[in-house]
Amino acid sequence: MNRPAPEIIDFLDCEVTKMIAEKYGYEPMEALRQFVYSATHELLENADMGLHLYSAGVIFDLWEAEKVTGDPRRSIYIREG
């Protein structure tokens, strides 16, 4: 598995964590934990998936889709049809 550059992951972790904390009222460390241990983050860490090329807003949407449905692929940004 190829991994994106660490600075890209760090940037996206920071931005998505802020969005999670703001919307859901989590403390920053809990928001980070929620994101880092998600299937969305697992996809993000695989450069072959190309998720690191999306904006933090799109990645947040994938994480939120995962939170609601259990599957980040249910996001409007990547679901089929």
Protein backbone atom coordinates (compact mmCIF):
# COMPACT_ATOMS: atom_id res chain seq x y z
CA MET A 1 0.00 0.00 0.00
CA ASN A 2 1.33 3.42 -0.95
CA ARG A 3 0.83 6.13 1.65
CA PRO A 4 0.32 9.84 0.98
CA ALA A 5 2.97 12.25 2.27
CA PRO A 6 2.73 12.60 6.06
CA GLU A 7 2.23 16.36 5.83
CA ILE A 8 -0.88 15.83 3.69
CA ILE A 9 -2.31 13.39 6.22
CA ASP A 10 -1.45 15.74 9.10
CA PHE A 11 -3.14 18.68 7.36
CA LEU A 12 -6.29 16.71 6.57
CA ASP A 13 -6.40 15.21 10.08
CA CYS A 14 -6.30 18.71 11.55
CA GLU A 15 -8.93 20.18 9.24
CA VAL A 16 -11.39 17.28 9.43
CA THR A 17 -10.95 17.06 13.21
CA LYS A 18 -11.89 20.75 13.51
CA MET A 19 -15.04 20.12 11.45
CA ILE A 20 -16.02 17.11 13.56
CA ALA A 21 -15.44 18.98 16.83
CA GLU A 22 -17.45 21.99 15.64
CA LYS A 23 -20.44 20.07 14.31
CA TYR A 24 -20.67 17.35 16.96
CA GLY A 25 -19.35 19.22 19.99
CA TYR A 26 -16.54 16.76 20.66
CA GLU A 27 -13.39 17.80 22.46
CA PRO A 28 -10.50 18.02 19.95
CA MET A 29 -8.83 14.78 21.07
CA GLU A 30 -12.12 12.87 20.89
CA ALA A 31 -12.80 14.29 17.43
CA LEU A 32 -9.33 13.19 16.33
CA ARG A 33 -9.89 9.73 17.78
CA GLN A 34 -13.25 9.43 16.03
CA PHE A 35 -11.62 10.29 12.71
CA VAL A 36 -8.35 8.37 13.00
CA TYR A 37 -10.11 5.12 13.94
CA SER A 38 -12.63 5.35 11.09
CA ALA A 39 -12.85 3.47 7.81
CA THR A 40 -12.68 6.86 6.12
CA HIS A 41 -9.24 7.47 7.61
CA GLU A 42 -8.15 4.00 6.55
CA LEU A 43 -9.09 4.89 2.96
CA LEU A 44 -7.28 8.22 3.32
CA GLU A 45 -4.05 6.48 4.34
CA ASN A 46 -4.06 4.42 1.13
CA ALA A 47 -2.68 6.70 -1.60
CA ASP A 48 -3.89 4.28 -4.25
CA MET A 49 -7.47 5.24 -3.32
CA GLY A 50 -6.73 8.91 -4.11
CA LEU A 51 -8.76 10.25 -1.20
CA HIS A 52 -5.88 12.51 -0.18
CA LEU A 53 -6.53 14.50 -3.36
CA TYR A 54 -9.96 15.62 -2.11
CA SER A 55 -10.67 18.63 0.07
CA ALA A 56 -11.10 18.35 3.82
CA GLY A 57 -14.81 19.12 3.32
CA VAL A 58 -15.27 16.13 1.05
CA ILE A 59 -13.39 13.87 3.46
CA PHE A 60 -15.56 15.16 6.31
CA ASP A 61 -18.63 14.25 4.25
CA LEU A 62 -17.29 10.73 3.77
CA TRP A 63 -16.64 10.43 7.51
CA GLU A 64 -20.14 11.72 8.25
CA ALA A 65 -21.67 9.26 5.78
CA GLU A 66 -19.77 6.52 7.59
CA LYS A 67 -21.05 7.75 10.96
CA VAL A 68 -24.66 7.73 9.76
CA THR A 69 -24.69 4.66 7.50
CA GLY A 70 -21.62 2.68 8.55
CA ASP A 71 -20.02 3.05 5.12
CA PRO A 72 -18.08 6.09 3.83
CA ARG A 73 -18.81 4.98 0.28
CA ARG A 74 -22.40 6.13 0.80
CA SER A 75 -21.23 9.73 0.55
CA ILE A 76 -22.68 11.67 -2.36
CA TYR A 77 -19.12 12.21 -3.54
CA ILE A 78 -18.31 8.58 -4.29
CA ARG A 79 -21.44 6.47 -4.36
CA GLU A 80 -22.46 4.92 -7.64
CA GLY A 81 -25.37 6.07 -9.73
